[in-house]
N, C-alpha and C. Protein backbone atom coordinates (compact mmCIF):
# COMPACT_ATOMS: atom_id res chain seq x y z
N UNK A 1 -10.03 2.92 -23.17
CA UNK A 1 -9.77 2.20 -21.85
C UNK A 1 -7.58 2.85 -21.79
N UNK A 2 -8.10 2.97 -20.52
CA UNK A 2 -6.21 3.10 -20.97
C UNK A 2 -5.59 2.54 -20.46
N UNK A 3 -4.11 2.39 -20.85
CA UNK A 3 -3.07 0.99 -21.38
C UNK A 3 -3.15 0.23 -19.76
N UNK A 4 -3.52 1.33 -18.57
CA UNK A 4 -3.79 -0.14 -16.83
C UNK A 4 -4.64 -0.56 -17.37
N UNK A 5 -6.20 0.13 -18.01
CA UNK A 5 -6.73 -0.82 -17.48
C UNK A 5 -7.16 -1.44 -18.71
N UNK A 6 -6.82 -1.64 -19.52
CA UNK A 6 -6.46 -2.59 -20.53
C UNK A 6 -6.06 -4.21 -20.55
N UNK A 7 -4.91 -3.62 -19.01
CA UNK A 7 -3.65 -4.85 -19.00
C UNK A 7 -4.45 -5.40 -17.57
N UNK A 8 -5.67 -4.41 -16.66
CA UNK A 8 -6.12 -5.12 -15.01
C UNK A 8 -6.99 -6.22 -16.01
N UNK A 9 -7.52 -5.79 -17.43
CA UNK A 9 -8.66 -6.80 -17.86
C UNK A 9 -7.89 -8.05 -18.15
N UNK A 10 -6.91 -8.03 -18.84
CA UNK A 10 -6.33 -9.00 -19.05
C UNK A 10 -6.58 -9.91 -18.51
N UNK A 11 -5.52 -9.59 -17.23
CA UNK A 11 -5.13 -10.27 -15.87
C UNK A 11 -5.78 -10.91 -15.43
N UNK A 12 -7.55 -10.30 -14.94
CA UNK A 12 -8.18 -10.81 -14.66
C UNK A 12 -9.40 -12.53 -16.40
N UNK A 13 -9.33 -11.65 -17.00
CA UNK A 13 -9.08 -12.63 -17.31
C UNK A 13 -8.18 -13.69 -17.86
N UNK A 14 -7.55 -14.32 -18.07
CA UNK A 14 -6.06 -15.27 -17.34
C UNK A 14 -7.07 -14.83 -16.03
N UNK A 15 -6.92 -15.06 -14.77
CA UNK A 15 -7.89 -15.94 -14.02
C UNK A 15 -7.34 -15.43 -12.68
N UNK A 16 -6.52 -14.29 -12.69
CA UNK A 16 -6.26 -13.91 -11.68
C UNK A 16 -7.22 -13.27 -10.81
N UNK A 17 -7.20 -12.91 -9.45
CA UNK A 17 -8.34 -12.82 -8.61
C UNK A 17 -7.31 -11.28 -7.89
N UNK A 18 -8.46 -10.26 -7.69
CA UNK A 18 -8.97 -9.25 -7.08
C UNK A 18 -7.95 -8.76 -5.99
N UNK A 19 -7.64 -10.22 -5.13
CA UNK A 19 -6.30 -9.64 -3.70
C UNK A 19 -5.08 -9.04 -4.70
N UNK A 20 -4.88 -10.21 -6.01
CA UNK A 20 -4.09 -10.33 -6.21
C UNK A 20 -3.46 -9.05 -7.39
N UNK A 21 -4.67 -8.44 -8.02
CA UNK A 21 -5.09 -7.00 -8.83
C UNK A 21 -4.52 -6.51 -7.30
N UNK A 22 -4.88 -5.74 -6.18
CA UNK A 22 -5.25 -5.08 -5.24
C UNK A 22 -3.91 -5.32 -4.69
N UNK A 23 -2.71 -5.96 -4.74
CA UNK A 23 -2.25 -6.24 -4.58
C UNK A 23 -0.67 -4.99 -5.71
N UNK A 24 -0.90 -5.51 -7.14
CA UNK A 24 -0.37 -5.24 -7.71
C UNK A 24 -0.01 -3.58 -7.89
N UNK A 25 -1.60 -2.79 -7.11
CA UNK A 25 -1.58 -1.69 -7.60
C UNK A 25 -1.44 -0.87 -6.23
N UNK A 26 -1.36 -1.41 -4.80
CA UNK A 26 -1.08 -0.87 -4.06
C UNK A 26 -0.22 -0.29 -3.63
N UNK A 27 1.03 -0.54 -3.61
CA UNK A 27 1.82 0.59 -3.72
C UNK A 27 2.01 1.58 -5.11
N UNK A 28 1.97 0.97 -5.28
CA UNK A 28 1.95 3.41 -6.11
C UNK A 28 0.80 3.62 -5.63
N UNK A 29 -0.23 3.73 -5.29
CA UNK A 29 -1.36 3.62 -5.04
C UNK A 29 -1.76 4.49 -3.38
N UNK A 30 -0.71 3.62 -2.79
CA UNK A 30 -0.55 4.08 -1.28
C UNK A 30 0.19 5.36 -1.53
N UNK A 31 1.96 4.80 -2.27
CA UNK A 31 2.31 5.60 -1.96
C UNK A 31 1.87 7.14 -2.62
N UNK A 32 0.90 7.68 -3.10
CA UNK A 32 0.09 8.86 -3.82
C UNK A 32 -0.40 9.46 -2.43
N UNK A 33 -0.89 8.66 -1.69
CA UNK A 33 -1.78 9.04 -0.95
C UNK A 33 -1.08 9.68 0.80
N UNK A 34 -0.11 8.18 1.06
CA UNK A 34 0.94 8.55 2.61
C UNK A 34 2.07 9.55 1.83
N UNK A 35 2.68 9.86 0.94
CA UNK A 35 4.14 10.51 0.65
C UNK A 35 3.16 11.99 0.28
N UNK A 36 2.58 12.78 1.79
CA UNK A 36 1.61 13.64 1.32
C UNK A 36 2.44 14.27 2.98
N UNK A 37 1.92 15.31 3.19
CA UNK A 37 1.53 16.25 4.84
C UNK A 37 0.54 15.24 4.95
N UNK A 38 0.45 15.36 6.02
CA UNK A 38 -0.67 15.34 7.41
C UNK A 38 -2.23 15.75 6.22
N UNK A 39 -1.67 16.97 6.01
CA UNK A 39 -2.95 17.49 5.14
C UNK A 39 -3.44 17.42 4.32
N UNK A 40 -1.99 16.56 3.41
CA UNK A 40 -2.08 16.97 2.45
C UNK A 40 -2.98 15.15 2.00
N UNK A 41 -2.50 14.34 2.61
CA UNK A 41 -3.55 13.12 2.25
C UNK A 41 -4.49 12.97 3.08
N UNK A 42 -4.82 14.17 3.42
CA UNK A 42 -6.22 14.23 3.31
C UNK A 42 -7.22 14.38 2.44
N UNK A 43 -6.96 16.22 1.90
CA UNK A 43 -7.42 16.75 0.97
C UNK A 43 -7.11 15.95 -0.29
N UNK A 44 -7.86 16.49 -1.40
CA UNK A 44 -7.68 15.77 -2.53
C UNK A 44 -6.25 15.51 -3.14
N UNK A 45 -5.48 14.46 -3.22
CA UNK A 45 -4.22 15.02 -2.60
C UNK A 45 -3.76 13.32 -3.63
N UNK A 46 -4.31 12.84 -4.62
CA UNK A 46 -4.01 12.22 -4.92
C UNK A 46 -3.18 11.38 -6.23
N UNK A 47 -3.52 12.62 -6.86
CA UNK A 47 -3.08 13.16 -8.71
C UNK A 47 -2.05 14.14 -7.83
N UNK A 48 -0.55 13.08 -9.34
CA UNK A 48 0.83 13.64 -9.04
C UNK A 48 1.15 15.48 -9.30
N UNK A 49 0.11 16.03 -9.77
CA UNK A 49 -0.36 17.29 -10.17
C UNK A 49 0.57 18.13 -9.20
N UNK A 50 0.38 17.96 -7.89
CA UNK A 50 -0.20 18.56 -6.98
C UNK A 50 1.78 18.33 -6.95
N UNK A 51 2.77 18.10 -6.88
CA UNK A 51 3.87 17.24 -6.65
C UNK A 51 4.41 18.95 -7.13
N UNK A 52 4.69 18.84 -8.30
CA UNK A 52 5.19 20.33 -9.76
C UNK A 52 5.72 19.47 -10.53
N UNK A 53 7.18 19.94 -10.61
CA UNK A 53 7.99 18.96 -11.23
C UNK A 53 8.32 18.16 -11.42
N UNK A 54 8.66 17.93 -9.63
CA UNK A 54 9.57 16.42 -9.48
C UNK A 54 8.69 16.47 -7.91
N UNK A 55 8.14 14.86 -7.59
CA UNK A 55 7.55 14.21 -7.00
C UNK A 55 8.99 14.53 -5.95
N UNK A 56 8.44 14.03 -3.69
CA UNK A 56 9.08 14.76 -3.51
C UNK A 56 9.71 13.23 -2.80
N UNK A 57 10.66 13.23 -1.99
CA UNK A 57 11.47 11.88 -1.97
C UNK A 57 10.29 10.71 -1.20
N UNK A 58 10.05 10.09 -1.10
CA UNK A 58 9.40 9.55 -0.44
C UNK A 58 9.51 8.52 -0.14
N UNK A 59 10.70 7.64 0.16
CA UNK A 59 11.03 6.43 0.66
C UNK A 59 12.08 5.94 1.89
N UNK A 60 11.16 6.47 2.82
CA UNK A 60 11.48 6.18 4.03
C UNK A 60 11.56 4.51 4.62
N UNK A 61 12.44 4.80 5.84
CA UNK A 61 13.15 3.68 6.71
C UNK A 61 12.58 3.68 7.43
N UNK A 62 12.34 2.11 8.24
CA UNK A 62 10.85 2.23 9.23
C UNK A 62 12.12 1.91 10.70
N UNK A 63 11.86 1.85 11.83
CA UNK A 63 12.87 2.23 12.74
C UNK A 63 13.14 0.29 12.82
N UNK A 64 12.73 -0.47 12.63
CA UNK A 64 14.30 -1.35 12.47
C UNK A 64 15.27 -1.13 11.59
N UNK A 65 15.34 -0.56 10.61
CA UNK A 65 15.91 -0.69 9.98
C UNK A 65 17.83 0.46 11.04
N UNK A 66 16.58 2.03 11.00
CA UNK A 66 17.25 3.26 11.74
C UNK A 66 18.10 2.14 13.32
N UNK A 67 17.33 1.38 13.69
CA UNK A 67 17.92 0.42 15.04
C UNK A 67 19.51 0.32 15.15
N UNK A 68 19.65 -0.75 13.93
CA UNK A 68 20.77 -1.57 13.27
C UNK A 68 21.53 -0.81 14.00
N UNK A 69 22.74 -1.05 14.55
CA UNK A 69 23.69 -0.38 14.70
C UNK A 69 24.77 -0.34 13.38
N UNK A 70 24.68 -0.98 12.49
CA UNK A 70 25.53 -0.44 10.88
C UNK A 70 25.64 0.05 10.43
N UNK A 71 24.29 1.18 10.77
CA UNK A 71 23.03 2.01 9.45
C UNK A 71 23.89 2.86 10.23
N UNK A 72 24.14 3.70 9.19
CA UNK A 72 24.47 5.12 9.35
C UNK A 72 24.23 6.32 9.48
N UNK A 73 23.78 7.38 10.89
CA UNK A 73 22.74 7.76 11.51
C UNK A 73 22.88 9.73 10.06
N UNK A 74 22.58 10.58 10.00
CA UNK A 74 22.57 11.62 10.27
C UNK A 74 22.70 12.98 10.85
N UNK A 75 22.59 12.60 12.25
CA UNK A 75 22.79 12.45 14.39
C UNK A 75 23.61 11.62 14.94
N UNK A 76 24.13 12.00 15.94
CA UNK A 76 24.40 11.75 16.98
C UNK A 76 23.98 10.78 17.72
N UNK A 77 23.81 9.40 17.92
CA UNK A 77 21.87 8.13 18.44
C UNK A 77 22.56 8.09 19.05
N UNK A 78 23.63 9.54 20.55
CA UNK A 78 23.27 9.44 21.89
C UNK A 78 22.20 11.06 22.38
N UNK A 79 21.54 11.20 21.11
CA UNK A 79 21.33 12.40 21.02
C UNK A 79 19.99 12.52 21.83
N UNK A 80 19.34 13.59 22.91
CA UNK A 80 18.27 13.35 23.52
C UNK A 80 16.98 13.32 22.45
N UNK A 81 16.35 12.42 22.95
CA UNK A 81 14.86 12.61 22.23
C UNK A 81 13.89 13.90 22.61
N UNK A 82 14.18 14.24 24.01
CA UNK A 82 13.70 15.46 24.46
C UNK A 82 14.76 16.82 24.70
N UNK A 83 15.69 16.48 23.50
CA UNK A 83 16.62 18.15 22.72
C UNK A 83 15.67 17.75 21.20
N UNK A 84 14.38 17.32 20.40
CA UNK A 84 14.27 17.32 19.28
C UNK A 84 12.88 17.71 19.82
N UNK A 85 12.23 16.95 20.56
CA UNK A 85 10.46 16.54 21.11
C UNK A 85 10.78 16.81 22.10
N UNK A 86 10.22 18.19 22.88
CA UNK A 86 9.65 18.30 23.83
C UNK A 86 9.15 17.21 25.04
N UNK A 87 10.56 16.72 25.75
CA UNK A 87 9.60 16.15 26.74
C UNK A 87 9.40 17.04 28.75
N UNK A 88 9.04 16.84 29.35
CA UNK A 88 9.46 17.10 30.51
C UNK A 88 10.15 16.28 31.30
N UNK A 89 10.10 16.92 32.28
CA UNK A 89 11.46 15.49 32.81
C UNK A 89 9.71 15.45 34.23
N UNK A 90 10.04 13.96 34.59
CA UNK A 90 9.07 12.74 35.53
C UNK A 90 9.32 13.38 37.25
N UNK A 91 10.79 14.18 37.32
CA UNK A 91 11.07 14.24 38.22
C UNK A 91 11.99 13.47 38.63
N UNK A 92 12.10 11.81 38.84
CA UNK A 92 12.50 11.34 39.21
C UNK A 92 14.21 11.35 38.32
N UNK A 93 14.80 10.58 39.05
CA UNK A 93 16.08 10.63 38.39
C UNK A 93 16.04 8.78 37.41
N UNK A 94 16.73 9.19 36.09
CA UNK A 94 16.69 8.69 34.98
C UNK A 94 17.39 6.96 35.23
N UNK A 95 16.52 6.00 35.02
CA UNK A 95 18.10 4.43 35.57
C UNK A 95 18.63 4.63 34.68
N UNK A 96 19.99 4.34 35.90
CA UNK A 96 21.45 4.04 35.11
C UNK A 96 21.63 3.16 34.04
N UNK A 97 22.38 3.23 33.21
CA UNK A 97 22.45 2.69 31.50
C UNK A 97 23.13 2.11 31.78
N UNK A 98 22.93 -0.05 31.54
CA UNK A 98 24.57 -0.76 32.23
C UNK A 98 25.33 -0.31 30.75
N UNK A 99 26.21 -1.13 30.84
CA UNK A 99 27.29 -1.19 29.16
C UNK A 99 26.50 -2.30 27.84
N UNK A 100 26.42 -3.20 28.81
CA UNK A 100 25.34 -4.59 27.34
C UNK A 100 23.84 -4.49 28.78
N UNK A 101 22.94 -5.35 27.51
CA UNK A 101 22.16 -5.96 28.41
C UNK A 101 22.50 -7.38 27.33
N UNK A 102 21.81 -7.88 28.35
CA UNK A 102 21.69 -9.75 27.23
C UNK A 102 20.33 -10.25 26.98
N UNK A 103 21.06 -11.24 26.08
CA UNK A 103 20.39 -11.57 24.91
C UNK A 103 18.74 -11.01 24.54
N UNK A 104 18.88 -9.70 24.04
CA UNK A 104 18.31 -9.10 24.06
C UNK A 104 17.90 -8.05 24.39
N UNK A 105 18.01 -8.01 25.04
CA UNK A 105 16.81 -6.98 26.47
C UNK A 105 17.62 -5.81 25.80
N UNK A 106 17.00 -4.49 26.53
CA UNK A 106 17.59 -3.16 25.55
C UNK A 106 17.28 -2.29 26.96
N UNK A 107 17.71 -1.10 27.04
CA UNK A 107 17.36 -0.04 28.44
C UNK A 107 15.95 0.40 27.99
N UNK A 108 15.33 0.80 29.34
CA UNK A 108 14.11 0.48 29.81
C UNK A 108 14.08 2.67 30.19
N UNK A 109 14.24 3.71 29.91
CA UNK A 109 14.62 5.23 30.05
C UNK A 109 13.03 4.62 31.17
N UNK A 110 12.12 4.54 30.68
CA UNK A 110 11.31 4.97 32.26
C UNK A 110 9.95 6.43 31.49
N UNK A 111 10.77 6.87 30.91
CA UNK A 111 10.64 8.12 30.38
C UNK A 111 11.08 8.38 28.77
N UNK A 112 10.28 9.66 28.18
CA UNK A 112 10.87 10.40 26.95
C UNK A 112 11.78 11.22 27.39
N UNK A 113 11.63 12.03 28.44
CA UNK A 113 12.05 12.56 29.02
C UNK A 113 14.16 11.95 29.22
N UNK A 114 14.26 10.70 29.55
CA UNK A 114 15.05 9.92 30.31
C UNK A 114 15.51 9.17 28.69
N UNK A 115 15.35 9.78 27.58
CA UNK A 115 15.36 8.36 26.70
C UNK A 115 16.13 9.43 25.16
N UNK A 116 17.41 8.70 25.00
CA UNK A 116 17.71 9.00 24.02
C UNK A 116 17.50 8.25 22.47
N UNK A 117 17.64 8.89 21.39
CA UNK A 117 17.01 8.82 20.11
C UNK A 117 16.60 7.38 19.45
N UNK A 118 18.18 6.79 20.13
CA UNK A 118 18.36 5.22 19.73
C UNK A 118 16.86 4.77 20.74
N UNK A 119 16.81 4.57 22.34
CA UNK A 119 15.75 3.90 22.60
C UNK A 119 14.34 4.26 22.60
N UNK A 120 14.98 4.69 22.06
CA UNK A 120 13.01 5.12 21.40
C UNK A 120 12.75 4.17 19.91
N UNK A 121 13.81 3.54 19.19
CA UNK A 121 13.64 2.69 18.53
C UNK A 121 13.35 0.94 18.76
N UNK A 122 13.29 1.21 20.13
CA UNK A 122 12.79 -0.07 21.08
C UNK A 122 11.09 0.47 21.05
N UNK A 123 10.62 -1.06 21.83
CA UNK A 123 9.16 -0.64 22.49
C UNK A 123 9.90 -0.08 23.71
N UNK A 124 8.82 1.25 24.05
CA UNK A 124 8.94 1.70 25.34
C UNK A 124 7.02 1.35 26.06
N UNK A 125 7.66 0.74 26.84
CA UNK A 125 6.34 1.27 27.84
C UNK A 125 5.60 1.76 28.15
N UNK A 126 6.02 3.44 28.02
CA UNK A 126 5.51 4.84 28.03
C UNK A 126 5.30 5.06 27.26
N UNK A 127 5.36 4.56 25.48
CA UNK A 127 4.96 4.67 24.59
C UNK A 127 4.25 4.51 24.25
N UNK A 128 2.82 4.78 24.45
CA UNK A 128 1.16 5.15 23.69
C UNK A 128 1.49 4.68 22.52
N UNK A 129 1.09 3.35 21.42
CA UNK A 129 0.72 3.63 20.11
C UNK A 129 2.27 3.87 19.56
N UNK A 130 3.77 3.21 19.80
CA UNK A 130 4.97 3.72 19.48
C UNK A 130 4.63 5.28 18.59
N UNK A 131 4.08 6.19 18.84
CA UNK A 131 4.18 7.53 18.51
C UNK A 131 5.46 7.89 18.30
N UNK A 132 6.53 8.24 20.15
CA UNK A 132 7.85 8.78 19.99
C UNK A 132 8.47 7.52 18.57
N UNK A 133 8.22 6.14 18.73
CA UNK A 133 8.93 5.51 17.89
C UNK A 133 9.25 6.20 16.89
N UNK A 134 7.89 6.26 15.76
CA UNK A 134 7.72 6.00 14.72
C UNK A 134 7.91 8.66 14.10
N UNK A 135 7.39 8.86 15.85
CA UNK A 135 8.88 10.11 15.14
C UNK A 135 10.16 9.80 14.99
N UNK A 136 10.90 8.98 15.95
CA UNK A 136 12.12 8.71 15.17
C UNK A 136 12.81 8.45 14.13
N UNK A 137 12.01 7.77 13.74
CA UNK A 137 11.89 7.52 12.56
C UNK A 137 11.93 7.72 11.09
N UNK A 138 10.65 9.27 11.43
CA UNK A 138 10.87 10.17 10.26
C UNK A 138 11.26 11.27 10.92
N UNK A 139 11.89 11.32 11.85
CA UNK A 139 12.54 12.23 11.93
C UNK A 139 14.32 12.08 11.22
N UNK A 140 14.33 11.15 11.15
CA UNK A 140 15.76 10.46 10.85
C UNK A 140 15.36 10.21 9.30
N UNK A 141 14.90 9.70 9.24
CA UNK A 141 13.72 10.32 7.05
C UNK A 141 14.08 11.44 6.67
N UNK A 142 14.15 11.90 7.56
CA UNK A 142 13.79 13.76 6.98
C UNK A 142 15.47 13.98 6.81
N UNK A 143 16.03 14.04 7.79
CA UNK A 143 17.25 14.83 7.69
C UNK A 143 18.76 13.48 6.75
N UNK A 144 17.69 12.72 6.75
CA UNK A 144 18.33 11.94 5.73
C UNK A 144 18.12 11.98 4.06
N UNK A 145 17.24 12.90 4.01
CA UNK A 145 16.55 12.94 2.51
C UNK A 145 15.86 12.02 2.36
N UNK A 146 15.55 10.91 3.27
CA UNK A 146 14.18 9.94 2.44
C UNK A 146 12.96 9.98 2.29
N UNK A 147 12.42 11.51 3.41
CA UNK A 147 11.18 12.10 3.26
C UNK A 147 11.75 13.20 2.80
N UNK A 148 10.67 13.78 1.77
CA UNK A 148 11.02 15.16 1.07
C UNK A 148 9.56 15.89 1.03
N UNK A 149 8.48 14.89 1.92
CA UNK A 149 6.91 16.10 2.07
C UNK A 149 7.16 16.24 3.73
N UNK A 150 7.63 16.07 4.80
CA UNK A 150 7.76 16.86 6.06
C UNK A 150 8.57 17.40 6.00
N UNK A 151 8.22 18.13 7.77
CA UNK A 151 9.76 19.24 7.80
C UNK A 151 9.01 18.77 9.09
N UNK A 152 11.14 18.56 9.92
CA UNK A 152 10.95 18.50 11.53
C UNK A 152 10.20 19.09 12.66
N UNK A 153 9.46 20.18 11.72
CA UNK A 153 9.18 21.19 12.61
C UNK A 153 7.16 20.63 12.49
N UNK A 154 6.74 19.95 11.64
CA UNK A 154 5.76 19.45 11.10
C UNK A 154 5.57 18.26 12.44
N UNK A 155 6.64 17.84 12.07
CA UNK A 155 6.39 16.54 13.51
C UNK A 155 6.22 17.23 15.09
N UNK A 156 6.93 18.43 15.42
CA UNK A 156 6.55 18.46 16.25
C UNK A 156 6.20 19.15 16.95
N UNK A 157 4.99 19.58 15.71
CA UNK A 157 4.10 20.49 15.55
C UNK A 157 3.20 19.12 16.56
N UNK A 158 3.16 18.25 15.52
CA UNK A 158 2.18 16.90 15.77
C UNK A 158 2.68 16.32 16.99
N UNK A 159 3.39 16.05 17.81
CA UNK A 159 4.54 15.47 18.84
C UNK A 159 3.61 16.82 20.01
N UNK A 160 3.41 18.20 19.96
CA UNK A 160 3.69 19.24 20.47
C UNK A 160 1.76 19.11 21.38
N UNK A 161 1.01 18.92 19.68
CA UNK A 161 -0.59 19.31 20.05
C UNK A 161 -1.06 17.77 20.55
N UNK A 162 -0.32 16.70 20.63
CA UNK A 162 -0.70 15.09 21.60
C UNK A 162 -0.16 15.69 22.65
N UNK A 163 1.12 15.94 22.73
CA UNK A 163 1.49 16.23 24.71
C UNK A 163 -0.03 17.39 24.59
N UNK A 164 0.57 18.54 24.53
CA UNK A 164 -0.69 18.94 25.16
C UNK A 164 -2.17 19.03 24.94
N UNK A 165 -2.96 18.66 24.08
CA UNK A 165 -4.30 18.00 23.96
C UNK A 165 -4.52 16.81 23.16
N UNK A 166 -3.66 15.98 23.20
CA UNK A 166 -4.07 14.94 23.47
C UNK A 166 -5.14 14.39 21.72
N UNK A 167 -4.56 15.25 20.72
CA UNK A 167 -5.32 14.85 19.44
C UNK A 167 -4.15 16.31 18.68
N UNK A 168 -4.11 15.71 17.50
CA UNK A 168 -3.19 16.28 16.33
C UNK A 168 -3.84 17.09 15.08
N UNK A 169 -4.42 18.24 15.12
CA UNK A 169 -5.47 18.03 14.08
C UNK A 169 -3.93 18.50 12.38
N UNK A 170 -4.39 17.66 11.61
CA UNK A 170 -3.88 18.21 10.17
C UNK A 170 -4.38 19.17 10.05
N UNK A 171 -5.33 19.60 9.66
CA UNK A 171 -6.21 20.90 8.83
C UNK A 171 -7.24 20.70 9.58
N UNK A 172 -8.18 22.40 9.73
CA UNK A 172 -8.83 22.25 10.37
C UNK A 172 -9.94 21.92 10.23
N UNK A 173 -10.74 21.08 11.83
CA UNK A 173 -11.75 20.59 12.57
C UNK A 173 -11.09 18.64 11.71
N UNK A 174 -10.79 18.90 11.65
CA UNK A 174 -9.79 17.34 11.36
C UNK A 174 -8.50 16.48 12.61
N UNK A 175 -9.41 16.20 13.66
CA UNK A 175 -8.32 15.02 14.81
C UNK A 175 -8.26 14.12 15.05
N UNK A 176 -6.37 14.04 15.21
CA UNK A 176 -6.37 12.96 15.02
C UNK A 176 -5.42 12.33 16.25
N UNK A 177 -5.76 11.03 17.21
CA UNK A 177 -5.54 10.84 18.17
C UNK A 177 -4.53 10.52 17.75
N UNK A 178 -4.04 9.96 19.13
CA UNK A 178 -2.29 8.95 19.40
C UNK A 178 -2.40 8.38 18.27
N UNK A 179 -3.18 7.02 18.24
CA UNK A 179 -3.58 5.75 17.25
C UNK A 179 -3.78 6.49 16.22
N UNK A 180 -3.80 7.38 15.53
CA UNK A 180 -4.26 8.51 14.06
C UNK A 180 -2.52 8.18 13.96
N UNK A 181 -2.42 9.74 14.76
CA UNK A 181 -0.85 10.15 14.32
C UNK A 181 0.19 8.89 13.99
N UNK A 182 0.28 7.49 15.00
CA UNK A 182 1.15 6.73 14.94
C UNK A 182 0.76 6.24 13.63
N UNK A 183 -0.21 5.54 13.26
CA UNK A 183 -0.56 4.72 11.74
C UNK A 183 0.19 5.98 10.73
N UNK A 184 -0.80 7.13 10.71
CA UNK A 184 0.06 7.67 9.47
C UNK A 184 1.95 7.96 9.49
N UNK A 185 2.01 8.30 10.82
CA UNK A 185 3.39 7.78 10.73
C UNK A 185 4.35 6.39 10.24
N UNK A 186 4.00 5.27 10.72
CA UNK A 186 4.27 4.41 10.21
C UNK A 186 4.07 4.34 8.79
N UNK A 187 2.79 5.19 8.49
CA UNK A 187 2.38 4.64 6.75
C UNK A 187 4.38 4.91 6.29
N UNK A 188 4.93 6.08 6.51
CA UNK A 188 5.91 7.05 5.60
C UNK A 188 7.30 5.95 5.40
N UNK A 189 6.93 5.07 5.75
CA UNK A 189 8.09 4.12 6.36
C UNK A 189 8.25 2.30 5.79
N UNK A 190 8.89 2.34 4.70
CA UNK A 190 9.16 0.68 4.40
C UNK A 190 8.26 -0.22 5.14
């Protein structure tokens, strides 16, 4: 029996329930699944031997972290969403941006085309399942080197496939809908 197995048995004998044991084990087990590219998370990807001599960075930060003004960004907060992730113009004029918004409200761009990266870190009515929100957080995490198992082109491919076909294929024969992509992207940050 491994040291880890023996330790779990000792904890079980002293009365700790399975819920506590699952909690103790879940962070490291989850990290090995989500700290991988989408296709890697589907294949026999739980072994750290796939990493090579050094595991990739896996300490992504949430949209809530990135939207706070005191946190530095690796790019300008004024960068438009459509300059990183293609978004077609809706043909309408973008809403006017106010100089400030009262009581925690924020700019509602109305479309991906009119949104800055910073805008996307707040829930938007047009952003189904908050995919855009999690794309932006993942993008910032990659640029800041908090995530080392994805590249910006991976995110752009996810977005492009979702926009053109309504689904993303992380590997041949497997398809993720909008909610599944959002779930994957949200799993790679704290």
